[in-house]
Amino acid sequence: LMYRYSLSDDEGMLFIFDESEKHQFWMKNTFISLDIIWINKNFEVVDIQTAMPCKEEPCKIYAPKSEALYVLEVNANFAKEKNISIGNLVEIKN
């Protein structure tokens, strides 16, 4: 979501990785605050962090506590507003 100044409430970006790992993210050239939600191969939320825009380098690295196969980026506070917490199960549809 680099170079975006806004994101609709019902939008986000889903990353689908080839391998489960502790995939790290940074907010370089990202102008909006985001919730980063890490999801494991069993579709369980394993970590949630609110990431702030990077204003100067080096940018903060956001790393999860556990391995994940999927990562969902949405507007900051989305997880709190939707009552999403670690341990919740997620359904991903086409």
Protein backbone atom coordinates (compact mmCIF):
# COMPACT_ATOMS: atom_id res chain seq x y z
CA LEU A 1 0.00 0.00 0.00
CA MET A 2 2.92 2.28 -0.71
CA TYR A 3 2.21 5.78 -2.05
CA ARG A 4 -1.47 5.69 -1.06
CA TYR A 5 -2.99 8.51 0.96
CA SER A 6 -6.23 6.72 1.79
CA LEU A 7 -7.83 3.30 1.94
CA SER A 8 -11.56 2.59 2.04
CA ASP A 9 -12.90 0.85 5.15
CA ASP A 10 -13.65 -2.30 3.14
CA GLU A 11 -10.29 -2.48 1.33
CA GLY A 12 -6.95 -4.02 2.16
CA MET A 13 -4.10 -6.02 0.71
CA LEU A 14 -3.66 -9.75 1.23
CA PHE A 15 -0.19 -11.22 0.85
CA ILE A 16 -0.05 -14.95 0.10
CA PHE A 17 3.42 -16.38 0.59
CA ASP A 18 4.88 -19.65 -0.72
CA GLU A 19 6.27 -20.61 2.70
CA SER A 20 5.29 -20.02 6.31
CA GLU A 21 7.85 -17.71 7.88
CA LYS A 22 8.07 -14.71 10.18
CA HIS A 23 7.45 -12.33 7.27
CA GLN A 24 8.57 -8.82 8.15
CA PHE A 25 7.15 -5.55 6.88
CA TRP A 26 8.17 -1.92 6.90
CA MET A 27 6.30 1.26 6.08
CA LYS A 28 8.69 2.99 3.68
CA ASN A 29 6.74 5.25 1.32
CA THR A 30 3.50 4.33 3.11
CA PHE A 31 1.52 7.39 4.13
CA ILE A 32 -1.34 5.82 6.10
CA SER A 33 -1.28 3.85 9.35
CA LEU A 34 -2.11 0.18 8.91
CA ASP A 35 -3.01 -2.87 10.93
CA ILE A 36 -0.84 -5.78 9.87
CA ILE A 37 -2.53 -9.10 10.59
CA TRP A 38 -0.44 -12.26 10.31
CA ILE A 39 -2.38 -15.50 9.61
CA ASN A 40 -0.91 -19.00 9.74
CA LYS A 41 -1.47 -21.95 7.39
CA ASN A 42 -4.42 -23.05 9.56
CA PHE A 43 -6.07 -19.64 9.02
CA GLU A 44 -5.48 -18.60 12.63
CA VAL A 45 -4.50 -15.03 13.47
CA VAL A 46 -1.04 -15.28 15.04
CA ASP A 47 -0.16 -11.60 15.44
CA ILE A 48 -1.58 -8.11 14.94
CA GLN A 49 0.42 -4.90 14.95
CA THR A 50 -0.47 -1.33 14.10
CA ALA A 51 2.19 0.13 11.82
CA MET A 52 2.81 3.83 11.52
CA PRO A 53 4.14 5.60 8.40
CA CYS A 54 7.91 5.76 8.19
CA LYS A 55 8.98 9.39 8.39
CA GLU A 56 12.75 8.84 8.35
CA GLU A 57 15.15 6.01 7.68
CA PRO A 58 15.89 3.53 8.95
CA CYS A 59 12.24 2.53 8.93
CA LYS A 60 10.92 0.38 11.76
CA ILE A 61 10.61 -3.32 10.93
CA TYR A 62 7.37 -5.03 11.99
CA ALA A 63 7.98 -8.71 12.70
CA PRO A 64 5.39 -11.22 13.92
CA LYS A 65 5.69 -13.42 16.99
CA SER A 66 4.92 -16.56 14.96
CA GLU A 67 5.23 -17.85 11.43
CA ALA A 68 2.50 -16.95 8.97
CA LEU A 69 1.53 -17.91 5.43
CA TYR A 70 -0.78 -14.93 4.89
CA VAL A 71 -0.59 -11.29 5.88
CA LEU A 72 -3.47 -8.84 5.67
CA GLU A 73 -2.90 -5.08 5.65
CA VAL A 74 -5.93 -2.91 6.45
CA ASN A 75 -6.55 0.53 7.92
CA ALA A 76 -5.22 1.06 11.44
CA ASN A 77 -7.75 0.13 14.15
CA PHE A 78 -9.58 -2.26 11.79
CA ALA A 79 -8.74 -5.22 14.05
CA LYS A 80 -10.00 -3.41 17.15
CA GLU A 81 -13.18 -2.21 15.42
CA LYS A 82 -13.96 -5.70 14.08
CA ASN A 83 -12.99 -7.46 17.35
CA ILE A 84 -10.20 -9.40 15.65
CA SER A 85 -7.66 -10.87 18.04
CA ILE A 86 -4.88 -13.43 18.14
CA GLY A 87 -6.34 -16.93 17.99
CA ASN A 88 -9.32 -15.97 15.82
CA LEU A 89 -9.93 -18.08 12.72
CA VAL A 90 -10.10 -16.37 9.33
CA GLU A 91 -11.94 -17.42 6.20
CA ILE A 92 -10.34 -16.44 2.90
CA LYS A 93 -12.61 -16.58 -0.15
CA ASN A 94 -11.93 -15.98 -3.84
